[in-house]
Protein backbone atom coordinates (compact mmCIF):
# COMPACT_ATOMS: atom_id res chain seq x y z
CA MET A 1 92.52 82.99 143.46
CA ASN A 2 95.35 80.29 142.83
CA GLN A 3 93.20 77.36 142.50
CA LEU A 4 94.12 75.07 139.64
CA PRO A 5 91.03 73.08 137.70
CA THR A 6 90.44 70.05 139.41
CA THR A 7 89.47 68.21 135.93
CA PRO A 8 91.64 67.46 133.08
CA LEU A 9 91.89 69.75 130.18
CA ALA A 10 89.36 69.44 127.81
CA PHE A 11 91.76 70.11 124.93
CA ASP A 12 95.35 69.58 123.58
CA PRO A 13 97.59 72.43 124.52
CA LEU A 14 99.80 71.70 121.83
CA ASP A 15 96.91 72.82 119.46
CA PRO A 16 97.23 76.66 119.34
CA VAL A 17 93.70 77.04 118.02
CA ALA A 18 92.25 75.24 120.98
CA LEU A 19 94.55 76.95 123.59
CA THR A 20 93.29 80.24 122.14
CA GLN A 21 89.74 79.19 122.12
CA ALA A 22 90.24 78.46 125.91
CA LEU A 23 91.81 81.64 126.66
CA VAL A 24 89.33 83.75 124.89
CA ARG A 25 86.55 82.07 126.87
CA CYS A 26 88.16 83.51 129.96
CA PRO A 27 86.61 86.94 130.57
CA SER A 28 89.92 88.64 131.64
CA VAL A 29 89.11 92.25 131.13
CA THR A 30 91.74 94.65 133.07
CA PRO A 31 92.03 93.96 135.99
CA ALA A 32 90.22 90.65 136.29
CA GLU A 33 92.17 87.50 136.06
CA GLY A 34 89.03 85.74 134.72
CA GLY A 35 90.37 82.23 134.80
CA ALA A 36 93.09 83.13 132.22
CA LEU A 37 96.27 82.76 134.42
CA ALA A 38 94.74 79.67 136.18
CA LEU A 39 94.26 77.92 132.81
CA LEU A 40 97.79 78.53 131.85
CA ASP A 41 99.01 77.40 135.24
CA ALA A 42 97.31 74.07 134.66
CA VAL A 43 98.67 73.91 131.18
CA LEU A 44 102.39 74.54 132.09
CA SER A 45 102.37 72.73 135.28
CA ALA A 46 101.25 69.59 133.67
CA GLU A 47 104.14 69.81 131.27
CA GLY A 48 106.68 70.02 134.14
CA TYR A 49 107.08 74.04 134.62
CA THR A 50 107.49 75.60 137.99
CA VAL A 51 104.74 78.07 138.06
CA GLN A 52 104.25 80.99 140.47
CA ARG A 53 101.54 83.73 140.38
CA PRO A 54 102.49 86.68 142.31
CA VAL A 55 100.13 89.42 143.10
CA PHE A 56 101.20 93.05 143.15
CA SER A 57 99.56 95.99 144.75
CA GLU A 58 99.95 99.71 144.50
CA LEU A 59 98.04 102.41 146.38
CA GLY A 60 95.22 103.65 144.38
CA MET A 61 95.63 100.88 141.80
CA PRO A 62 93.69 97.41 141.39
CA ASP A 63 95.58 94.48 142.60
CA ILE A 64 97.05 92.47 139.63
CA GLU A 65 97.90 88.73 139.31
CA ASN A 66 100.65 87.66 137.14
CA LEU A 67 102.38 84.33 136.03
CA TYR A 68 105.87 83.32 135.91
CA ALA A 69 106.84 79.85 134.81
CA ARG A 70 110.13 78.29 133.91
CA ILE A 71 111.43 74.57 133.07
CA GLY A 72 115.04 73.93 133.18
CA SER A 73 117.81 75.23 135.55
CA GLU A 74 120.75 76.27 133.36
CA GLY A 75 121.15 79.10 130.75
CA PRO A 76 120.71 80.27 128.53
CA VAL A 77 117.31 81.44 129.34
CA PHE A 78 114.88 82.14 126.58
CA VAL A 79 111.77 84.21 127.64
CA ILE A 80 108.29 84.30 126.18
CA ALA A 81 106.24 87.10 127.26
CA GLY A 82 102.69 88.26 127.06
CA HIS A 83 99.65 89.25 128.73
CA THR A 84 96.15 87.61 129.31
CA ASP A 85 94.39 90.88 130.02
CA VAL A 86 92.14 92.28 127.44
CA VAL A 87 90.17 95.61 126.96
CA PRO A 88 86.44 95.64 127.39
CA PRO A 89 84.35 94.33 124.51
CA GLY A 90 82.09 97.41 124.78
CA ASP A 91 78.35 96.78 123.78
CA ALA A 92 78.23 93.22 123.16
CA ALA A 93 75.09 93.67 121.05
CA ARG A 94 77.48 95.15 118.33
CA TRP A 95 79.34 91.96 118.38
CA SER A 96 78.34 89.57 115.50
CA ARG A 97 79.09 86.77 117.78
CA ASP A 98 79.50 86.47 121.78
CA PRO A 99 82.76 88.19 122.55
CA PHE A 100 83.93 85.64 124.70
CA SER A 101 82.88 82.58 122.67
CA GLY A 102 86.15 81.62 120.74
CA LEU A 103 84.16 80.60 117.91
CA VAL A 104 85.89 79.49 114.61
CA GLU A 105 84.09 79.88 111.56
CA ASP A 106 85.65 79.84 108.14
CA GLY A 107 89.03 79.65 109.18
CA VAL A 108 88.91 82.72 111.49
CA LEU A 109 88.88 82.50 115.52
CA HIS A 110 86.60 85.18 117.09
CA GLY A 111 86.60 86.95 120.55
CA ARG A 112 87.96 89.70 122.41
CA GLY A 113 91.75 88.95 122.88
CA ALA A 114 91.86 86.71 119.95
CA CYS A 115 94.32 88.87 118.06
CA ASP A 116 95.69 91.09 120.95
CA MET A 117 97.06 88.85 122.46
CA LYS A 118 95.75 85.66 123.65
CA GLY A 119 96.36 84.15 120.07
CA GLY A 120 100.13 84.86 119.95
CA LEU A 121 100.63 83.68 123.43
CA ALA A 122 98.82 80.51 123.01
CA ALA A 123 100.77 79.85 119.79
CA MET A 124 104.04 80.47 121.55
CA ILE A 125 103.02 78.29 124.47
CA SER A 126 101.94 75.46 122.11
CA ALA A 127 105.31 75.66 120.21
CA ALA A 128 107.40 75.72 123.54
CA LEU A 129 105.40 72.67 124.79
CA ARG A 130 106.05 70.77 121.63
CA PHE A 131 109.73 71.62 121.60
CA ARG A 132 110.20 70.27 125.02
CA ARG A 133 108.33 67.11 124.26
CA GLU A 134 110.50 66.76 121.24
CA SER A 135 113.83 67.76 122.83
CA PRO A 136 113.51 67.06 126.54
CA ASP A 137 117.47 67.00 126.94
CA ALA A 138 117.84 70.32 125.13
CA PRO A 139 120.24 72.87 127.08
CA GLY A 140 119.06 75.95 128.65
CA SER A 141 115.75 76.94 130.17
CA ILE A 142 112.61 78.44 128.76
CA ALA A 143 110.63 80.88 130.89
CA PHE A 144 107.20 82.73 130.54
CA LEU A 145 106.42 86.16 131.71
CA VAL A 146 102.66 86.68 131.67
CA THR A 147 100.77 89.74 133.10
CA GLY A 148 97.18 90.74 133.68
CA ASP A 149 97.93 94.52 133.53
CA GLU A 150 99.30 95.54 129.98
CA GLU A 151 95.85 96.94 128.87
CA GLY A 152 95.63 98.76 132.13
CA PRO A 153 97.77 101.18 134.14
CA ALA A 154 100.90 98.82 133.56
CA VAL A 155 101.75 99.59 137.11
CA ASN A 156 101.44 96.10 138.93
CA GLY A 157 102.22 93.76 135.90
CA THR A 158 105.32 93.23 133.89
CA VAL A 159 107.59 96.02 135.36
CA LYS A 160 107.02 94.40 139.09
CA LEU A 161 106.98 90.87 137.62
CA LEU A 162 110.51 91.43 136.17
CA ASP A 163 111.87 92.90 139.35
CA TRP A 164 110.28 90.17 141.41
CA ALA A 165 111.99 87.44 139.27
CA ARG A 166 115.14 89.09 139.69
CA SER A 167 114.98 89.62 143.17
CA ARG A 168 114.82 85.67 143.20
CA GLY A 169 118.00 85.26 141.13
CA GLU A 170 116.29 84.85 137.69
CA ARG A 171 118.29 86.23 134.85
CA PHE A 172 117.24 86.27 131.13
CA ASP A 173 119.20 85.97 128.08
CA HIS A 174 116.82 86.86 125.22
CA CYS A 175 113.08 87.43 124.95
CA LEU A 176 110.23 86.96 122.27
CA LEU A 177 107.11 89.26 122.79
CA GLY A 178 104.05 87.89 121.24
CA GLU A 179 102.10 91.32 120.48
CA PRO A 180 100.36 91.41 117.21
CA THR A 181 103.07 92.94 115.09
CA ASN A 182 101.99 92.10 111.46
CA PRO A 183 100.07 94.72 109.60
CA ALA A 184 98.64 92.34 106.93
CA THR A 185 100.52 89.06 106.59
CA MET A 186 102.53 86.98 108.81
CA SER A 187 105.82 87.72 106.97
CA ASP A 188 105.31 91.66 107.18
CA MET A 189 107.15 92.81 110.35
CA VAL A 190 109.33 92.14 113.38
CA LYS A 191 109.65 94.91 115.86
CA ILE A 192 113.00 95.69 117.17
CA GLY A 193 112.16 98.59 119.34
CA ARG A 194 109.40 101.19 120.27
CA ARG A 195 108.93 104.84 120.46
CA GLY A 196 108.65 106.37 123.70
CA SER A 197 105.76 108.43 124.81
CA LEU A 198 105.65 111.74 126.72
CA THR A 199 102.15 113.58 127.54
CA GLY A 200 102.15 117.31 128.34
CA VAL A 201 99.37 119.63 129.62
CA LEU A 202 99.67 123.30 128.49
CA THR A 203 97.71 125.83 130.25
CA VAL A 204 97.47 129.39 129.23
CA GLU A 205 96.21 132.20 131.68
CA GLY A 206 94.02 134.97 130.42
CA LYS A 207 91.40 137.34 131.95
CA GLN A 208 87.68 136.71 131.43
CA GLY A 209 85.69 139.56 130.13
CA HIS A 210 82.95 140.67 127.84
CA VAL A 211 83.47 140.25 124.08
CA GLY A 212 82.39 143.72 123.47
CA TYR A 213 84.97 145.30 125.69
CA PRO A 214 88.10 143.32 124.71
CA HIS A 215 90.28 145.93 126.37
CA LEU A 216 89.10 144.87 129.85
CA ALA A 217 89.98 141.32 129.22
CA ASP A 218 92.93 139.00 127.87
CA ASN A 219 91.94 136.35 125.45
CA PRO A 220 94.01 133.18 126.54
CA ILE A 221 93.18 131.58 123.05
CA ARG A 222 95.50 134.02 121.11
CA GLY A 223 98.42 132.87 123.49
CA MET A 224 97.74 129.23 123.31
CA VAL A 225 97.69 129.39 119.49
CA ARG A 226 101.10 130.89 119.49
CA LEU A 227 102.51 128.45 121.88
CA LEU A 228 101.23 125.53 119.84
CA ALA A 229 102.37 127.12 116.74
CA ALA A 230 105.66 127.28 118.13
CA LEU A 231 105.79 123.47 119.21
CA ASP A 232 104.85 122.50 115.71
CA ALA A 233 106.81 125.16 113.57
CA THR A 234 110.18 122.89 113.51
CA PRO A 235 110.35 119.06 113.31
CA LEU A 236 111.59 117.59 116.68
CA ASP A 237 114.00 115.49 114.65
CA ALA A 238 114.31 113.73 111.31
CA GLY A 239 114.24 110.28 112.44
CA THR A 240 117.16 107.71 112.51
CA GLN A 241 118.07 104.53 110.69
CA TYR A 242 115.54 102.50 112.63
CA PHE A 243 113.00 105.12 113.66
CA ASP A 244 110.55 107.61 112.11
CA PRO A 245 110.83 111.27 113.10
CA SER A 246 109.24 112.12 116.64
CA ASN A 247 105.79 113.44 116.27
CA LEU A 248 103.95 115.68 118.61
CA GLU A 249 100.03 115.69 118.43
CA VAL A 250 97.79 117.78 120.10
CA THR A 251 94.96 115.59 121.57
CA THR A 252 92.78 117.90 123.24
CA LEU A 253 92.08 121.73 123.37
CA ASP A 254 89.36 123.18 125.73
CA VAL A 255 88.35 126.46 127.07
CA GLY A 256 85.26 125.15 128.81
CA ASN A 257 83.23 128.21 127.68
CA PRO A 258 79.53 127.60 126.78
CA ALA A 259 78.81 131.52 125.97
CA THR A 260 79.58 133.27 122.66
CA ASN A 261 79.91 136.43 124.42
CA VAL A 262 82.33 135.70 126.95
CA ILE A 263 86.21 135.93 126.40
CA PRO A 264 87.27 132.61 128.39
CA GLY A 265 89.92 133.06 131.46
CA GLU A 266 91.94 129.97 130.60
CA ALA A 267 92.72 127.83 127.70
CA ARG A 268 94.17 124.12 128.28
CA ALA A 269 95.70 121.76 125.67
CA VAL A 270 97.05 118.23 126.10
CA PHE A 271 99.54 116.92 123.73
CA ASN A 272 101.37 113.63 123.38
CA ILE A 273 104.80 113.08 121.79
CA ARG A 274 105.83 109.64 120.28
CA PHE A 275 109.77 110.17 120.34
CA ASN A 276 112.43 107.99 119.11
CA ASP A 277 115.90 107.07 120.56
CA LEU A 278 117.44 110.38 119.73
CA TRP A 279 115.47 111.70 122.94
CA THR A 280 114.89 110.93 126.66
CA PRO A 281 112.01 112.21 128.64
CA GLU A 282 114.20 114.68 130.24
CA THR A 283 115.82 116.15 127.18
CA LEU A 284 112.57 116.19 125.17
CA ALA A 285 110.72 117.88 128.06
CA ALA A 286 113.59 120.42 128.34
CA GLU A 287 113.30 121.08 124.43
CA ILE A 288 109.42 121.56 124.75
CA ASP A 289 110.13 124.13 127.63
CA ARG A 290 112.49 125.93 125.59
CA ARG A 291 110.23 126.50 122.65
CA LEU A 292 107.50 127.57 124.72
CA ARG A 293 109.40 130.13 126.58
CA GLU A 294 110.93 131.53 123.59
CA ALA A 295 107.36 131.67 122.00
CA ALA A 296 105.69 133.20 125.21
CA GLY A 297 108.21 135.96 125.81
CA ASN A 298 106.74 138.37 128.36
CA SER A 299 103.25 138.27 127.05
CA VAL A 300 101.86 134.94 127.32
CA ARG A 301 101.38 133.50 130.82
CA TYR A 302 101.22 129.66 130.93
CA ALA A 303 102.06 126.80 132.88
CA LEU A 304 103.59 123.43 131.64
CA ASP A 305 102.84 119.98 133.15
CA ILE A 306 104.86 117.32 131.81
CA ARG A 307 103.47 114.00 133.02
CA PRO A 308 105.59 111.04 134.35
CA THR A 309 106.20 108.28 131.91
CA ASN A 310 107.74 104.79 131.93
CA ALA A 311 107.50 104.66 128.19
CA VAL A 312 111.03 105.48 126.85
CA ALA A 313 112.32 104.74 123.41
CA PHE A 314 114.74 101.71 123.01
CA LEU A 315 116.23 99.64 120.18
CA THR A 316 117.17 96.10 120.29
CA GLU A 317 120.29 96.37 117.85
CA PRO A 318 120.14 94.16 114.73
CA GLY A 319 122.34 91.27 115.51
CA PRO A 320 122.55 87.36 115.91
CA PHE A 321 119.16 87.14 117.91
CA VAL A 322 117.42 89.40 115.64
CA ALA A 323 118.74 87.58 112.65
CA MET A 324 117.85 84.46 114.32
CA VAL A 325 114.09 85.67 114.49
CA THR A 326 114.04 86.83 111.18
CA GLU A 327 115.44 83.88 109.71
CA ALA A 328 112.78 81.73 111.46
CA VAL A 329 109.80 83.93 110.09
CA ALA A 330 111.35 83.66 106.54
CA ALA A 331 111.69 80.03 106.72
CA GLU A 332 108.03 79.43 107.54
CA THR A 333 106.68 82.11 105.54
CA GLY A 334 108.78 82.51 102.45
CA LYS A 335 109.55 86.26 102.89
CA ARG A 336 112.04 88.02 105.30
CA PRO A 337 110.15 90.61 107.51
CA ALA A 338 111.01 94.19 107.88
CA LEU A 339 112.54 95.59 111.11
CA SER A 340 110.39 98.08 112.48
CA THR A 341 109.84 100.50 115.50
CA THR A 342 106.62 101.78 114.63
CA GLY A 343 103.34 101.77 116.64
CA GLY A 344 102.44 102.41 120.19
CA THR A 345 104.35 101.19 123.55
CA SER A 346 104.26 97.73 124.89
CA ASP A 347 105.69 95.86 127.77
CA ALA A 348 108.89 95.42 125.62
CA ARG A 349 109.80 98.95 127.39
CA PHE A 350 110.30 97.29 130.69
CA ILE A 351 111.77 93.79 129.34
CA LYS A 352 114.40 95.91 127.53
CA SER A 353 116.28 96.45 130.70
CA HIS A 354 116.70 92.94 131.68
CA CYS A 355 117.61 91.22 128.23
CA PRO A 356 117.37 91.87 124.54
CA VAL A 357 113.81 91.66 123.39
CA VAL A 358 112.09 91.09 119.98
CA GLU A 359 108.11 91.36 119.25
CA TYR A 360 106.61 89.16 116.71
CA GLY A 361 103.10 88.00 116.74
CA VAL A 362 99.78 87.62 114.64
CA VAL A 363 98.18 90.13 112.26
CA GLY A 364 96.79 93.12 114.22
CA GLN A 365 94.18 94.48 112.13
CA THR A 366 91.40 93.96 114.47
CA MET A 367 92.89 94.36 118.00
CA HIS A 368 90.66 96.40 120.31
CA GLN A 369 87.76 96.48 117.78
CA VAL A 370 84.30 95.08 117.67
CA ASP A 371 84.43 91.57 116.16
CA GLU A 372 88.15 91.02 117.11
CA CYS A 373 89.37 87.92 115.46
CA VAL A 374 92.40 85.93 114.27
CA ALA A 375 93.12 83.60 111.27
CA VAL A 376 93.60 80.17 112.34
CA ASP A 377 96.35 79.87 109.64
CA ASP A 378 98.07 82.92 111.23
CA LEU A 379 98.06 80.91 114.82
CA LEU A 380 99.58 77.87 113.12
CA THR A 381 102.16 80.03 111.22
CA LEU A 382 103.04 81.82 114.64
CA GLU A 383 103.53 78.36 116.31
CA ARG A 384 105.80 77.16 113.54
CA VAL A 385 107.94 80.08 113.72
CA THR A 386 108.20 80.09 117.50
CA HIS A 387 109.22 76.37 117.25
CA ARG A 388 111.81 76.84 114.66
CA LEU A 389 113.29 79.61 116.66
CA LEU A 390 113.51 77.86 119.85
CA ALA A 391 115.28 74.88 117.85
CA SER A 392 117.79 77.21 116.36
CA TYR A 393 118.16 78.92 119.64
CA PHE A 394 118.92 75.87 121.76
CA ALA A 395 121.15 74.33 118.87
CA ALA A 396 124.85 73.98 119.29
CA PRO A 397 126.61 76.46 121.69
CA GLN A 398 128.49 78.12 118.84
CA GLN A 399 125.12 79.00 117.21
CA LYS A 400 123.66 80.90 120.18
CA PRO A 401 123.49 84.59 119.96
């Protein structure tokens, strides 16, 4: 598993396009390593990084290989984080090109993971390599946290890699995570936080019976409608300066009843809440339970199962580090990006407990889609932004965040 290629690299790792192509050609569909971490091991080791590839296990989960690399022995430690695993391509026949070809045509690089997020990771690695070659005596250290479990259960990936690093005395000052944050152009958005995610399963108990004899039955759908209406009647909050209002969405509603003349005995709904930093999973679960109890009264029999979550809301407060990132983006794109907390979850939710983290990456319009791709110009821009950020970060001590 940890064998390095025995032949020299067939591309220049300082070229973010070539490095992205090489990574895309590794079929690293979660949980398979697919050669992607071995490739990065070879690239980083050749540049003087100390590279380790710990494998983490959990009962009932696939074993996951991860990568930690560092160059330098002093602080501050600037961390670049990302993942090499990708979602399955699905039916390859629906793709206009081989999903693992890494083909470049008309200024666009095609393949699974090109956008999410092998392209972002490759551009940042190329920038870090160029910076160290140009400034070998720069103070401080650069580290890489790369997981193979971001698109999967996220159990044996970044969360354990961070704990593993801390147990070995590693401490981090700031982190840049290369997820595809930009909606349309490379100047659009920097993410300084993420909403949390909480899932609940609501079951209403009734009594099965004949539609023609409703007095002998108890239709649980009526109770379910009442409870769901109570959850949706009043907004959870109005949002905050940096967060949109929390939103609850019912994602499935089932009774499992194929017959038209039978009143079902049970109704089941699943909902997911994307919540801002006004809530914790515990306070939000308590609010959901309160609304249901009030709506149910003594007439609706129900059970609520709040699923465990490791996705909590967090915010990296705007300050010197956030300003340094936005200034690097503005300098290379000509436009200052918005500070955002929108979208789903990411591994930033784990990193935030170890150091301030900001997300910035390529345009994410095609992530997880058939014919996923990334513009070559976006890769080159991200490489320049990251290089500028590193130069600013490791400048005079008084300029450090």
